[in-house]
Amino acid sequence: MATENQVKQGSASKEASDQRNSLQKRRSVVGVVVSDKMQKTIVVKVDRQVRHSLYKKYVEKTRRYKAHDEKNDAKIGDRVLLIESRPLSREKRWVLNSILRRAGQAPDVNV
């Protein structure tokens, strides 16, 4: 009986690890589309604030990601949400998840 319990526990832990791997969150970033000239690809600018180690002042750092846009929905100026994915090409490792705000729309203000 001890061996059956050990076997059951082993299979239960294996199932839990499989479930954990399938439910792991992918990284996501929010940015602004700066180019949509390629087919099914957009370039998104993501800004983040970093504290300077010596001067203790916040500096804005920018990074540009190439992302897959299957339907060519996103246009320049749109605010979008990207999700990390498997490598799709040499530089594309992100996929467009949703368009949060279209270019020219008024931002949502909580009053």
C-alpha atoms as a PDB file:
ATOM      1  CA  MET A   1       0.000   0.000   0.000  1.00  0.00           C
ATOM      2  CA  ALA A   2       2.852   2.392   0.721  1.00  0.00           C
ATOM      3  CA  THR A   3       4.050   2.017  -2.831  1.00  0.00           C
ATOM      4  CA  GLU A   4       0.580   2.789  -4.238  1.00  0.00           C
ATOM      5  CA  ASN A   5       0.426   6.004  -2.191  1.00  0.00           C
ATOM      6  CA  GLN A   6       3.876   6.987  -3.385  1.00  0.00           C
ATOM      7  CA  VAL A   7       2.829   6.318  -6.983  1.00  0.00           C
ATOM      8  CA  LYS A   8      -0.361   8.369  -6.521  1.00  0.00           C
ATOM      9  CA  GLN A   9       1.588  11.236  -4.946  1.00  0.00           C
ATOM     10  CA  GLY A  10       4.134  11.136  -7.754  1.00  0.00           C
ATOM     11  CA  SER A  11       1.444  11.326 -10.423  1.00  0.00           C
ATOM     12  CA  ALA A  12      -0.376  14.083  -8.529  1.00  0.00           C
ATOM     13  CA  SER A  13       2.768  16.195  -8.308  1.00  0.00           C
ATOM     14  CA  LYS A  14       3.452  15.566 -12.005  1.00  0.00           C
ATOM     15  CA  GLU A  15      -0.066  16.764 -12.884  1.00  0.00           C
ATOM     16  CA  ALA A  16       0.387  19.844 -10.712  1.00  0.00           C
ATOM     17  CA  SER A  17       3.659  20.726 -12.424  1.00  0.00           C
ATOM     18  CA  ASP A  18       2.068  20.284 -15.870  1.00  0.00           C
ATOM     19  CA  GLN A  19      -0.818  22.492 -14.826  1.00  0.00           C
ATOM     20  CA  ARG A  20       1.529  25.143 -13.419  1.00  0.00           C
ATOM     21  CA  ASN A  21       3.514  25.260 -16.674  1.00  0.00           C
ATOM     22  CA  SER A  22       0.380  25.657 -18.754  1.00  0.00           C
ATOM     23  CA  LEU A  23      -0.973  28.435 -16.523  1.00  0.00           C
ATOM     24  CA  GLN A  24       2.220  30.472 -16.234  1.00  0.00           C
ATOM     25  CA  LYS A  25       1.675  34.082 -17.139  1.00  0.00           C
ATOM     26  CA  ARG A  26       3.398  35.504 -20.151  1.00  0.00           C
ATOM     27  CA  ARG A  27       5.031  38.903 -19.927  1.00  0.00           C
ATOM     28  CA  SER A  28       2.945  41.764 -21.219  1.00  0.00           C
ATOM     29  CA  VAL A  29       3.805  45.370 -22.013  1.00  0.00           C
ATOM     30  CA  VAL A  30       1.803  48.448 -22.982  1.00  0.00           C
ATOM     31  CA  GLY A  31       3.122  50.853 -25.583  1.00  0.00           C
ATOM     32  CA  VAL A  32       2.388  53.113 -28.536  1.00  0.00           C
ATOM     33  CA  VAL A  33       2.580  52.030 -32.183  1.00  0.00           C
ATOM     34  CA  VAL A  34       5.275  54.012 -34.019  1.00  0.00           C
ATOM     35  CA  SER A  35       5.266  52.106 -37.326  1.00  0.00           C
ATOM     36  CA  ASP A  36       2.822  49.898 -39.231  1.00  0.00           C
ATOM     37  CA  LYS A  37       4.524  49.878 -42.645  1.00  0.00           C
ATOM     38  CA  MET A  38       5.344  46.160 -42.647  1.00  0.00           C
ATOM     39  CA  GLN A  39       2.861  43.414 -43.432  1.00  0.00           C
ATOM     40  CA  LYS A  40       1.418  41.828 -40.262  1.00  0.00           C
ATOM     41  CA  THR A  41       4.082  43.550 -38.153  1.00  0.00           C
ATOM     42  CA  ILE A  42       4.002  46.675 -36.004  1.00  0.00           C
ATOM     43  CA  VAL A  43       6.745  48.482 -34.112  1.00  0.00           C
ATOM     44  CA  VAL A  44       5.745  49.480 -30.592  1.00  0.00           C
ATOM     45  CA  LYS A  45       7.565  51.978 -28.363  1.00  0.00           C
ATOM     46  CA  VAL A  46       7.492  51.081 -24.651  1.00  0.00           C
ATOM     47  CA  ASP A  47       8.583  53.675 -22.088  1.00  0.00           C
ATOM     48  CA  ARG A  48       9.640  52.980 -18.508  1.00  0.00           C
ATOM     49  CA  GLN A  49      11.028  55.169 -15.748  1.00  0.00           C
ATOM     50  CA  VAL A  50      14.322  54.202 -14.102  1.00  0.00           C
ATOM     51  CA  ARG A  51      15.950  55.906 -11.141  1.00  0.00           C
ATOM     52  CA  HIS A  52      19.473  57.128 -11.878  1.00  0.00           C
ATOM     53  CA  SER A  53      21.926  55.504  -9.473  1.00  0.00           C
ATOM     54  CA  LEU A  54      24.065  58.600  -8.838  1.00  0.00           C
ATOM     55  CA  TYR A  55      21.688  61.542  -9.251  1.00  0.00           C
ATOM     56  CA  LYS A  56      18.543  59.835  -7.888  1.00  0.00           C
ATOM     57  CA  LYS A  57      16.493  61.430 -10.634  1.00  0.00           C
ATOM     58  CA  TYR A  58      14.015  59.457 -12.732  1.00  0.00           C
ATOM     59  CA  VAL A  59      15.021  58.985 -16.359  1.00  0.00           C
ATOM     60  CA  GLU A  60      12.723  57.704 -19.079  1.00  0.00           C
ATOM     61  CA  LYS A  61      14.089  54.737 -21.015  1.00  0.00           C
ATOM     62  CA  THR A  62      12.541  53.657 -24.302  1.00  0.00           C
ATOM     63  CA  ARG A  63      12.559  50.290 -26.011  1.00  0.00           C
ATOM     64  CA  ARG A  64      11.096  49.362 -29.397  1.00  0.00           C
ATOM     65  CA  TYR A  65       9.529  45.940 -29.944  1.00  0.00           C
ATOM     66  CA  LYS A  66       8.426  44.357 -33.196  1.00  0.00           C
ATOM     67  CA  ALA A  67       5.093  42.605 -32.740  1.00  0.00           C
ATOM     68  CA  HIS A  68       2.894  40.354 -34.858  1.00  0.00           C
ATOM     69  CA  ASP A  69      -0.422  41.912 -35.936  1.00  0.00           C
ATOM     70  CA  GLU A  70      -2.327  39.240 -37.864  1.00  0.00           C
ATOM     71  CA  LYS A  71      -5.208  41.456 -39.081  1.00  0.00           C
ATOM     72  CA  ASN A  72      -3.209  44.687 -39.584  1.00  0.00           C
ATOM     73  CA  ASP A  73      -5.582  46.412 -37.133  1.00  0.00           C
ATOM     74  CA  ALA A  74      -3.178  48.686 -35.281  1.00  0.00           C
ATOM     75  CA  LYS A  75      -2.297  52.073 -36.737  1.00  0.00           C
ATOM     76  CA  ILE A  76       0.329  54.659 -35.806  1.00  0.00           C
ATOM     77  CA  GLY A  77      -0.470  56.322 -32.471  1.00  0.00           C
ATOM     78  CA  ASP A  78      -2.629  53.486 -31.089  1.00  0.00           C
ATOM     79  CA  ARG A  79      -1.983  52.387 -27.501  1.00  0.00           C
ATOM     80  CA  VAL A  80      -1.671  48.589 -27.530  1.00  0.00           C
ATOM     81  CA  LEU A  81      -1.087  45.619 -25.233  1.00  0.00           C
ATOM     82  CA  LEU A  82       1.566  43.101 -26.310  1.00  0.00           C
ATOM     83  CA  ILE A  83       2.040  39.549 -25.040  1.00  0.00           C
ATOM     84  CA  GLU A  84       5.314  37.635 -25.210  1.00  0.00           C
ATOM     85  CA  SER A  85       5.298  34.636 -27.555  1.00  0.00           C
ATOM     86  CA  ARG A  86       7.596  32.158 -29.220  1.00  0.00           C
ATOM     87  CA  PRO A  87      10.030  33.583 -31.784  1.00  0.00           C
ATOM     88  CA  LEU A  88       8.096  34.341 -34.969  1.00  0.00           C
ATOM     89  CA  SER A  89      11.049  35.750 -36.907  1.00  0.00           C
ATOM     90  CA  ARG A  90      14.527  37.063 -36.237  1.00  0.00           C
ATOM     91  CA  GLU A  91      13.271  40.060 -34.249  1.00  0.00           C
ATOM     92  CA  LYS A  92       9.571  39.328 -33.572  1.00  0.00           C
ATOM     93  CA  ARG A  93       8.918  37.846 -30.125  1.00  0.00           C
ATOM     94  CA  TRP A  94       5.683  39.654 -29.255  1.00  0.00           C
ATOM     95  CA  VAL A  95       2.061  39.386 -30.412  1.00  0.00           C
ATOM     96  CA  LEU A  96      -0.597  42.095 -30.401  1.00  0.00           C
ATOM     97  CA  ASN A  97      -3.180  41.170 -27.766  1.00  0.00           C
ATOM     98  CA  SER A  98      -5.524  44.152 -27.890  1.00  0.00           C
ATOM     99  CA  ILE A  99      -5.801  47.797 -28.851  1.00  0.00           C
ATOM    100  CA  LEU A 100      -6.400  49.771 -25.673  1.00  0.00           C
ATOM    101  CA  ARG A 101      -6.986  53.175 -27.274  1.00  0.00           C
ATOM    102  CA  ARG A 102      -7.152  54.283 -30.883  1.00  0.00           C
ATOM    103  CA  ALA A 103      -5.103  57.246 -32.081  1.00  0.00           C
ATOM    104  CA  GLY A 104      -7.065  60.467 -31.776  1.00  0.00           C
ATOM    105  CA  GLN A 105      -9.446  59.185 -29.109  1.00  0.00           C
ATOM    106  CA  ALA A 106      -9.733  61.158 -25.906  1.00  0.00           C
ATOM    107  CA  PRO A 107      -8.046  59.393 -22.967  1.00  0.00           C
ATOM    108  CA  ASP A 108     -10.317  57.993 -20.249  1.00  0.00           C
ATOM    109  CA  VAL A 109     -10.402  60.393 -17.320  1.00  0.00           C
ATOM    110  CA  ASN A 110     -11.649  59.450 -13.855  1.00  0.00           C
ATOM    111  CA  VAL A 111     -13.295  62.510 -12.339  1.00  0.00           C
END
